[in-house]
């Protein structure tokens, strides 16, 4: 990843550094291509926790409305899964994927076609031994990548998605139903937050 010290010292690099600081983004988040997915109105599917206020988009204070997963099976999955579980789920939602194996325990799933997809969306799928390991892996990954990082975990899988604005991440999670398939986790300024209202593992 690009570090602040490796950024060019010219005006473009200085301007980028200033912009990152102004937006409160980490160097990692600012140097990583962002995912854009504005298809649909995911914000309308969110509310503030403990309220009925629609369109609430603040990690740590938002939740998915019940209607988002009303037709989804959100019971806890106790199976041991691999990347095919994610690929098969996305296929049932109408999304076409390809896979690239980096290691035995790490696979990249690229979403290349489907509703609202205008450019490849790469999901990093870590295959862990236990659900606890998967939850810990995703927590550490989103913290490492900084504000705007998000992903889901289900059973022994931890899926890290590309950095995105909160509205785009929510749009994507709602349209793909990933919010109903895995525990939705998003980084804020200083911590990671589980967003309730969809699939959950205790």
C-alpha atoms as a PDB file:
ATOM      1  CA  UNK A   1       0.000   0.000   0.000  1.00  0.00           C
ATOM      2  CA  UNK A   2       1.094   3.573  -0.598  1.00  0.00           C
ATOM      3  CA  UNK A   3       2.318   5.286   2.563  1.00  0.00           C
ATOM      4  CA  UNK A   4       2.405   9.057   3.161  1.00  0.00           C
ATOM      5  CA  UNK A   5       6.206   9.029   2.808  1.00  0.00           C
ATOM      6  CA  UNK A   6       6.062   7.376  -0.620  1.00  0.00           C
ATOM      7  CA  UNK A   7       3.651   9.932  -2.079  1.00  0.00           C
ATOM      8  CA  UNK A   8       5.193  12.233  -4.689  1.00  0.00           C
ATOM      9  CA  UNK A   9       6.425  15.567  -3.345  1.00  0.00           C
ATOM     10  CA  UNK A  10       4.977  17.556  -6.244  1.00  0.00           C
ATOM     11  CA  UNK A  11       1.852  19.632  -6.131  1.00  0.00           C
ATOM     12  CA  UNK A  12      -0.429  16.697  -7.030  1.00  0.00           C
ATOM     13  CA  UNK A  13       0.867  14.634  -4.112  1.00  0.00           C
ATOM     14  CA  UNK A  14       0.613  17.534  -1.695  1.00  0.00           C
ATOM     15  CA  UNK A  15      -2.906  18.320  -2.860  1.00  0.00           C
ATOM     16  CA  UNK A  16      -3.943  14.690  -2.402  1.00  0.00           C
ATOM     17  CA  UNK A  17      -2.448  14.573   1.087  1.00  0.00           C
ATOM     18  CA  UNK A  18      -4.291  17.759   2.033  1.00  0.00           C
ATOM     19  CA  UNK A  19      -7.546  16.381   0.645  1.00  0.00           C
ATOM     20  CA  UNK A  20      -7.159  13.135   2.588  1.00  0.00           C
ATOM     21  CA  UNK A  21      -6.562  15.088   5.787  1.00  0.00           C
ATOM     22  CA  UNK A  22      -9.558  17.339   5.137  1.00  0.00           C
ATOM     23  CA  UNK A  23     -11.800  14.300   4.597  1.00  0.00           C
ATOM     24  CA  UNK A  24     -10.417  12.558   7.656  1.00  0.00           C
ATOM     25  CA  UNK A  25      -9.283   9.567   5.593  1.00  0.00           C
ATOM     26  CA  UNK A  26      -6.267   7.413   6.324  1.00  0.00           C
ATOM     27  CA  UNK A  27      -3.388   7.288   3.851  1.00  0.00           C
ATOM     28  CA  UNK A  28      -4.349   3.698   2.995  1.00  0.00           C
ATOM     29  CA  UNK A  29      -7.973   4.600   2.324  1.00  0.00           C
ATOM     30  CA  UNK A  30      -6.989   7.598   0.244  1.00  0.00           C
ATOM     31  CA  UNK A  31      -4.507   5.659  -1.916  1.00  0.00           C
ATOM     32  CA  UNK A  32      -6.879   2.753  -2.627  1.00  0.00           C
ATOM     33  CA  UNK A  33      -9.310   2.910  -5.578  1.00  0.00           C
ATOM     34  CA  UNK A  34     -12.802   3.465  -4.238  1.00  0.00           C
ATOM     35  CA  UNK A  35     -15.864   1.481  -5.182  1.00  0.00           C
ATOM     36  CA  UNK A  36     -18.731   3.485  -6.645  1.00  0.00           C
ATOM     37  CA  UNK A  37     -22.206   1.949  -6.640  1.00  0.00           C
ATOM     38  CA  UNK A  38     -24.979   4.509  -6.757  1.00  0.00           C
ATOM     39  CA  UNK A  39     -27.598   2.175  -8.266  1.00  0.00           C
ATOM     40  CA  UNK A  40     -30.760   2.176  -6.175  1.00  0.00           C
ATOM     41  CA  UNK A  41     -31.441   4.020  -2.942  1.00  0.00           C
ATOM     42  CA  UNK A  42     -29.830   2.043  -0.157  1.00  0.00           C
ATOM     43  CA  UNK A  43     -30.041   5.031   2.166  1.00  0.00           C
ATOM     44  CA  UNK A  44     -33.827   4.724   2.127  1.00  0.00           C
ATOM     45  CA  UNK A  45     -33.376   1.201   3.539  1.00  0.00           C
ATOM     46  CA  UNK A  46     -31.529   2.505   6.599  1.00  0.00           C
ATOM     47  CA  UNK A  47     -32.609   4.151   9.825  1.00  0.00           C
ATOM     48  CA  UNK A  48     -31.062   5.433  13.006  1.00  0.00           C
ATOM     49  CA  UNK A  49     -30.837   2.837  15.763  1.00  0.00           C
ATOM     50  CA  UNK A  50     -33.813   3.085  18.084  1.00  0.00           C
ATOM     51  CA  UNK A  51     -35.616   5.475  15.741  1.00  0.00           C
ATOM     52  CA  UNK A  52     -37.680   5.382  12.582  1.00  0.00           C
ATOM     53  CA  UNK A  53     -35.595   8.082  10.900  1.00  0.00           C
ATOM     54  CA  UNK A  54     -34.990   6.973   7.307  1.00  0.00           C
ATOM     55  CA  UNK A  55     -31.807   7.610   5.370  1.00  0.00           C
ATOM     56  CA  UNK A  56     -29.570   7.602   8.443  1.00  0.00           C
ATOM     57  CA  UNK A  57     -26.007   6.859   7.319  1.00  0.00           C
ATOM     58  CA  UNK A  58     -23.553   6.953  10.206  1.00  0.00           C
ATOM     59  CA  UNK A  59     -21.459   3.880  11.112  1.00  0.00           C
ATOM     60  CA  UNK A  60     -22.192   2.935  14.707  1.00  0.00           C
ATOM     61  CA  UNK A  61     -25.588   4.637  14.685  1.00  0.00           C
ATOM     62  CA  UNK A  62     -27.423   3.159  11.710  1.00  0.00           C
ATOM     63  CA  UNK A  63     -29.316  -0.083  11.114  1.00  0.00           C
ATOM     64  CA  UNK A  64     -30.972  -1.815   8.170  1.00  0.00           C
ATOM     65  CA  UNK A  65     -34.753  -1.587   8.108  1.00  0.00           C
ATOM     66  CA  UNK A  66     -36.559  -4.879   8.652  1.00  0.00           C
ATOM     67  CA  UNK A  67     -37.865  -4.771   5.087  1.00  0.00           C
ATOM     68  CA  UNK A  68     -34.342  -5.221   3.644  1.00  0.00           C
ATOM     69  CA  UNK A  69     -34.123  -8.887   4.676  1.00  0.00           C
ATOM     70  CA  UNK A  70     -37.807  -9.746   5.026  1.00  0.00           C
ATOM     71  CA  UNK A  71     -37.601 -12.473   2.352  1.00  0.00           C
ATOM     72  CA  UNK A  72     -34.133 -13.744   3.305  1.00  0.00           C
ATOM     73  CA  UNK A  73     -33.081 -16.591   5.570  1.00  0.00           C
ATOM     74  CA  UNK A  74     -30.996 -14.843   8.225  1.00  0.00           C
ATOM     75  CA  UNK A  75     -30.589 -17.808  10.567  1.00  0.00           C
ATOM     76  CA  UNK A  76     -27.017 -18.404  11.723  1.00  0.00           C
ATOM     77  CA  UNK A  77     -25.001 -20.605   9.363  1.00  0.00           C
ATOM     78  CA  UNK A  78     -23.025 -23.234  11.311  1.00  0.00           C
ATOM     79  CA  UNK A  79     -21.429 -24.912   8.289  1.00  0.00           C
ATOM     80  CA  UNK A  80     -17.780 -24.711   7.280  1.00  0.00           C
ATOM     81  CA  UNK A  81     -17.769 -22.677   4.074  1.00  0.00           C
ATOM     82  CA  UNK A  82     -15.442 -21.862   1.198  1.00  0.00           C
ATOM     83  CA  UNK A  83     -15.517 -19.190  -1.493  1.00  0.00           C
ATOM     84  CA  UNK A  84     -18.138 -21.102  -3.470  1.00  0.00           C
ATOM     85  CA  UNK A  85     -20.734 -20.272  -0.825  1.00  0.00           C
ATOM     86  CA  UNK A  86     -20.319 -16.583  -1.625  1.00  0.00           C
ATOM     87  CA  UNK A  87     -20.152 -17.077  -5.399  1.00  0.00           C
ATOM     88  CA  UNK A  88     -23.282 -19.250  -5.360  1.00  0.00           C
ATOM     89  CA  UNK A  89     -25.173 -16.712  -3.265  1.00  0.00           C
ATOM     90  CA  UNK A  90     -24.270 -13.846  -5.568  1.00  0.00           C
ATOM     91  CA  UNK A  91     -25.355 -15.930  -8.566  1.00  0.00           C
ATOM     92  CA  UNK A  92     -28.808 -16.406  -7.030  1.00  0.00           C
ATOM     93  CA  UNK A  93     -29.012 -12.607  -6.735  1.00  0.00           C
ATOM     94  CA  UNK A  94     -28.263 -12.197 -10.448  1.00  0.00           C
ATOM     95  CA  UNK A  95     -24.560 -11.308 -10.269  1.00  0.00           C
ATOM     96  CA  UNK A  96     -21.855 -12.968 -12.376  1.00  0.00           C
ATOM     97  CA  UNK A  97     -18.488 -13.633 -10.755  1.00  0.00           C
ATOM     98  CA  UNK A  98     -15.035 -14.977 -11.460  1.00  0.00           C
ATOM     99  CA  UNK A  99     -12.538 -16.298  -8.920  1.00  0.00           C
ATOM    100  CA  UNK A 100      -8.782 -15.973  -8.490  1.00  0.00           C
ATOM    101  CA  UNK A 101      -7.048 -18.030  -5.809  1.00  0.00           C
ATOM    102  CA  UNK A 102      -4.155 -16.280  -4.097  1.00  0.00           C
ATOM    103  CA  UNK A 103      -3.567 -18.918  -1.404  1.00  0.00           C
ATOM    104  CA  UNK A 104      -5.397 -21.924  -0.019  1.00  0.00           C
ATOM    105  CA  UNK A 105      -7.044 -19.632   2.507  1.00  0.00           C
ATOM    106  CA  UNK A 106      -7.468 -16.520   0.342  1.00  0.00           C
ATOM    107  CA  UNK A 107      -9.549 -16.093  -2.825  1.00  0.00           C
ATOM    108  CA  UNK A 108     -10.535 -13.004  -4.791  1.00  0.00           C
ATOM    109  CA  UNK A 109     -14.120 -13.015  -6.062  1.00  0.00           C
ATOM    110  CA  UNK A 110     -14.673 -10.456  -8.816  1.00  0.00           C
ATOM    111  CA  UNK A 111     -18.234  -9.356  -9.513  1.00  0.00           C
ATOM    112  CA  UNK A 112     -18.183  -8.575 -13.216  1.00  0.00           C
ATOM    113  CA  UNK A 113     -21.835  -8.359 -14.222  1.00  0.00           C
ATOM    114  CA  UNK A 114     -25.171  -7.652 -12.593  1.00  0.00           C
ATOM    115  CA  UNK A 115     -27.590  -4.895 -11.667  1.00  0.00           C
ATOM    116  CA  UNK A 116     -25.749  -1.594 -11.301  1.00  0.00           C
ATOM    117  CA  UNK A 117     -22.290  -3.073 -12.001  1.00  0.00           C
ATOM    118  CA  UNK A 118     -20.336  -0.718 -14.267  1.00  0.00           C
ATOM    119  CA  UNK A 119     -16.839  -1.834 -13.259  1.00  0.00           C
ATOM    120  CA  UNK A 120     -15.404  -4.927 -11.607  1.00  0.00           C
ATOM    121  CA  UNK A 121     -15.926  -5.147  -7.848  1.00  0.00           C
ATOM    122  CA  UNK A 122     -13.270  -7.254  -6.133  1.00  0.00           C
ATOM    123  CA  UNK A 123     -14.099  -9.018  -2.868  1.00  0.00           C
ATOM    124  CA  UNK A 124     -11.265 -10.467  -0.778  1.00  0.00           C
ATOM    125  CA  UNK A 125     -12.446 -13.754   0.719  1.00  0.00           C
ATOM    126  CA  UNK A 126     -10.426 -15.098   3.651  1.00  0.00           C
ATOM    127  CA  UNK A 127     -11.209 -18.685   4.620  1.00  0.00           C
ATOM    128  CA  UNK A 128     -10.674 -19.141   8.355  1.00  0.00           C
ATOM    129  CA  UNK A 129     -11.064 -22.067  10.742  1.00  0.00           C
ATOM    130  CA  UNK A 130     -13.885 -20.719  12.912  1.00  0.00           C
ATOM    131  CA  UNK A 131     -16.565 -18.003  12.919  1.00  0.00           C
ATOM    132  CA  UNK A 132     -14.682 -16.241  15.718  1.00  0.00           C
ATOM    133  CA  UNK A 133     -11.560 -16.143  13.550  1.00  0.00           C
ATOM    134  CA  UNK A 134     -13.580 -14.733  10.648  1.00  0.00           C
ATOM    135  CA  UNK A 135     -15.080 -11.974  12.762  1.00  0.00           C
ATOM    136  CA  UNK A 136     -11.676 -11.043  14.146  1.00  0.00           C
ATOM    137  CA  UNK A 137     -10.070 -11.087  10.693  1.00  0.00           C
ATOM    138  CA  UNK A 138     -12.657  -8.716   9.239  1.00  0.00           C
ATOM    139  CA  UNK A 139     -12.488  -6.388  12.243  1.00  0.00           C
ATOM    140  CA  UNK A 140      -8.711  -6.108  11.907  1.00  0.00           C
ATOM    141  CA  UNK A 141      -8.872  -5.716   8.121  1.00  0.00           C
ATOM    142  CA  UNK A 142     -11.318  -2.799   8.131  1.00  0.00           C
ATOM    143  CA  UNK A 143      -9.354  -1.068  10.879  1.00  0.00           C
ATOM    144  CA  UNK A 144      -6.127  -1.515   8.919  1.00  0.00           C
ATOM    145  CA  UNK A 145      -7.654  -0.041   5.758  1.00  0.00           C
ATOM    146  CA  UNK A 146      -9.317   2.827   7.583  1.00  0.00           C
ATOM    147  CA  UNK A 147     -12.475   4.848   7.239  1.00  0.00           C
ATOM    148  CA  UNK A 148     -14.687   3.735   4.360  1.00  0.00           C
ATOM    149  CA  UNK A 149     -13.570   0.097   4.615  1.00  0.00           C
ATOM    150  CA  UNK A 150     -16.325  -2.470   4.971  1.00  0.00           C
ATOM    151  CA  UNK A 151     -17.181  -6.097   4.500  1.00  0.00           C
ATOM    152  CA  UNK A 152     -19.229  -9.008   5.779  1.00  0.00           C
ATOM    153  CA  UNK A 153     -18.459 -12.226   7.611  1.00  0.00           C
ATOM    154  CA  UNK A 154     -20.461 -15.436   7.654  1.00  0.00           C
ATOM    155  CA  UNK A 155     -19.498 -18.628   9.454  1.00  0.00           C
ATOM    156  CA  UNK A 156     -15.747 -19.072   8.806  1.00  0.00           C
ATOM    157  CA  UNK A 157     -15.550 -16.581   5.888  1.00  0.00           C
ATOM    158  CA  UNK A 158     -14.382 -12.969   6.134  1.00  0.00           C
ATOM    159  CA  UNK A 159     -15.103 -10.876   3.030  1.00  0.00           C
ATOM    160  CA  UNK A 160     -13.404  -7.505   2.665  1.00  0.00           C
ATOM    161  CA  UNK A 161     -14.980  -5.202   0.068  1.00  0.00           C
ATOM    162  CA  UNK A 162     -13.418  -2.184  -1.649  1.00  0.00           C
ATOM    163  CA  UNK A 163     -13.348   1.098   0.248  1.00  0.00           C
ATOM    164  CA  UNK A 164     -16.471   3.134  -0.461  1.00  0.00           C
ATOM    165  CA  UNK A 165     -18.554   6.044   0.691  1.00  0.00           C
ATOM    166  CA  UNK A 166     -21.092   4.877   3.258  1.00  0.00           C
ATOM    167  CA  UNK A 167     -23.973   5.429   0.826  1.00  0.00           C
ATOM    168  CA  UNK A 168     -22.303   3.320  -1.893  1.00  0.00           C
ATOM    169  CA  UNK A 169     -21.412   0.505   0.526  1.00  0.00           C
ATOM    170  CA  UNK A 170     -24.995   0.418   1.799  1.00  0.00           C
ATOM    171  CA  UNK A 171     -26.403   0.516  -1.751  1.00  0.00           C
ATOM    172  CA  UNK A 172     -24.211  -2.414  -2.724  1.00  0.00           C
ATOM    173  CA  UNK A 173     -24.972  -4.444   0.409  1.00  0.00           C
ATOM    174  CA  UNK A 174     -28.716  -3.954  -0.077  1.00  0.00           C
ATOM    175  CA  UNK A 175     -28.783  -4.683  -3.831  1.00  0.00           C
ATOM    176  CA  UNK A 176     -26.595  -7.794  -3.567  1.00  0.00           C
ATOM    177  CA  UNK A 177     -28.320  -8.824  -0.309  1.00  0.00           C
ATOM    178  CA  UNK A 178     -24.895  -9.239   1.274  1.00  0.00           C
ATOM    179  CA  UNK A 179     -26.362  -7.459   4.303  1.00  0.00           C
ATOM    180  CA  UNK A 180     -28.701 -10.441   4.662  1.00  0.00           C
ATOM    181  CA  UNK A 181     -26.020 -13.044   3.920  1.00  0.00           C
ATOM    182  CA  UNK A 182     -23.261 -11.913   6.276  1.00  0.00           C
ATOM    183  CA  UNK A 183     -22.643  -9.662   9.261  1.00  0.00           C
ATOM    184  CA  UNK A 184     -22.149  -6.165   7.808  1.00  0.00           C
ATOM    185  CA  UNK A 185     -19.136  -4.389   9.321  1.00  0.00           C
ATOM    186  CA  UNK A 186     -17.953  -0.878   8.485  1.00  0.00           C
ATOM    187  CA  UNK A 187     -15.049   1.223   9.697  1.00  0.00           C
ATOM    188  CA  UNK A 188     -15.655   4.626  11.228  1.00  0.00           C
ATOM    189  CA  UNK A 189     -12.968   7.106  12.198  1.00  0.00           C
ATOM    190  CA  UNK A 190     -11.517   5.101  15.088  1.00  0.00           C
ATOM    191  CA  UNK A 191     -13.262   1.728  15.241  1.00  0.00           C
ATOM    192  CA  UNK A 192     -15.238  -0.847  13.298  1.00  0.00           C
ATOM    193  CA  UNK A 193     -18.995  -1.153  13.716  1.00  0.00           C
ATOM    194  CA  UNK A 194     -21.410  -4.020  13.185  1.00  0.00           C
ATOM    195  CA  UNK A 195     -24.520  -2.681  11.481  1.00  0.00           C
ATOM    196  CA  UNK A 196     -27.618  -4.461  12.842  1.00  0.00           C
ATOM    197  CA  UNK A 197     -30.862  -5.269  11.096  1.00  0.00           C
ATOM    198  CA  UNK A 198     -29.585  -7.961   8.715  1.00  0.00           C
ATOM    199  CA  UNK A 199     -27.785 -11.268   9.243  1.00  0.00           C
ATOM    200  CA  UNK A 200     -26.170 -11.485  12.650  1.00  0.00           C
ATOM    201  CA  UNK A 201     -23.988 -13.979  14.541  1.00  0.00           C
ATOM    202  CA  UNK A 202     -23.714 -13.785  18.319  1.00  0.00           C
END
